[in-house]
Protein backbone atom coordinates (compact mmCIF):
# COMPACT_ATOMS: atom_id res chain seq x y z
CA UNK A 1 216.37 -104.36 66.30
CA UNK A 2 217.27 -107.33 64.22
CA UNK A 3 219.81 -106.84 61.51
CA UNK A 4 219.12 -108.95 58.70
CA UNK A 5 222.56 -111.61 58.70
CA UNK A 6 221.68 -112.64 62.39
CA UNK A 7 221.95 -116.12 62.11
CA UNK A 8 219.75 -117.21 65.64
CA UNK A 9 218.41 -115.96 68.40
CA UNK A 10 217.45 -117.23 71.92
CA UNK A 11 214.58 -116.03 74.20
CA UNK A 12 213.71 -116.48 77.85
CA UNK A 13 210.11 -115.88 79.09
CA UNK A 14 210.21 -116.22 82.73
CA UNK A 15 206.63 -116.22 84.55
CA UNK A 16 207.25 -115.07 88.33
CA UNK A 17 209.79 -117.36 90.77
CA UNK A 18 206.64 -119.43 92.75
CA UNK A 19 204.67 -120.04 89.28
CA UNK A 20 208.38 -121.89 88.61
CA UNK A 21 207.35 -121.89 84.23
CA UNK A 22 210.11 -120.90 81.98
CA UNK A 23 209.67 -120.69 78.38
CA UNK A 24 213.03 -121.10 76.21
CA UNK A 25 212.69 -120.19 72.51
CA UNK A 26 215.98 -120.99 70.14
CA UNK A 27 215.28 -119.42 66.19
CA UNK A 28 217.37 -120.66 63.87
CA UNK A 29 218.15 -119.44 60.09
CA UNK A 30 217.61 -121.71 57.24
CA UNK A 31 219.58 -121.41 54.27
CA UNK A 32 216.59 -123.36 51.96
CA UNK A 33 213.12 -124.68 52.84
CA UNK A 34 214.54 -128.45 53.00
CA UNK A 35 216.63 -127.04 55.97
CA UNK A 36 213.43 -126.02 57.90
CA UNK A 37 212.74 -129.01 60.05
CA UNK A 38 216.43 -129.98 60.22
CA UNK A 39 217.06 -126.03 62.28
CA UNK A 40 214.16 -126.43 64.24
CA UNK A 41 215.49 -130.08 65.59
CA UNK A 42 218.78 -128.01 65.91
CA UNK A 43 217.98 -125.21 67.72
CA UNK A 44 216.17 -127.82 70.61
CA UNK A 45 219.40 -130.20 70.51
CA UNK A 46 221.52 -126.85 71.00
CA UNK A 47 219.12 -126.22 74.10
CA UNK A 48 219.33 -129.19 75.49
CA UNK A 49 223.10 -129.49 74.83
CA UNK A 50 224.00 -125.88 76.87
CA UNK A 51 221.45 -126.72 79.46
CA UNK A 52 219.82 -123.91 79.45
CA UNK A 53 217.38 -124.86 81.83
CA UNK A 54 220.09 -125.40 84.32
CA UNK A 55 220.42 -122.04 86.04
CA UNK A 56 216.50 -121.56 85.98
CA UNK A 57 216.48 -124.88 88.37
CA UNK A 58 218.66 -123.57 90.62
CA UNK A 59 216.50 -120.42 90.82
CA UNK A 60 213.16 -122.52 90.96
CA UNK A 61 211.80 -123.12 87.70
CA UNK A 62 210.74 -126.60 87.60
CA UNK A 63 208.59 -126.51 85.46
CA UNK A 64 210.11 -125.75 81.61
CA UNK A 65 208.66 -125.18 77.62
CA UNK A 66 210.80 -125.37 75.13
CA UNK A 67 210.53 -124.47 71.69
CA UNK A 68 212.86 -124.53 68.74
CA UNK A 69 212.35 -122.00 65.83
CA UNK A 70 213.83 -122.24 62.18
CA UNK A 71 212.60 -118.92 59.36
CA UNK A 72 213.14 -119.21 55.59
CA UNK A 73 212.05 -116.67 53.78
CA UNK A 74 208.60 -115.72 55.29
CA UNK A 75 207.49 -119.21 56.53
CA UNK A 76 208.41 -121.70 59.79
CA UNK A 77 208.61 -124.00 61.32
CA UNK A 78 208.31 -124.97 65.18
CA UNK A 79 208.79 -127.55 67.75
CA UNK A 80 208.22 -127.98 71.14
CA UNK A 81 209.49 -130.21 74.19
């Protein structure tokens, strides 16, 4: 359950280790419509800066799909690298 005051969230989806695929999703909430793109970019930057994939690489994961998602009311912006 998410509370209305939650400002960010990270989700990690993993395949079986021998498949080596991991999906990393960082979610942020924008305060205005104009911030949607900036917050999605910030989410992707956070994935890279905090090296969310580093430990997964040690576990044998080698393919990473990274999503930065931001929400403003019922709208969202999704970026992927």
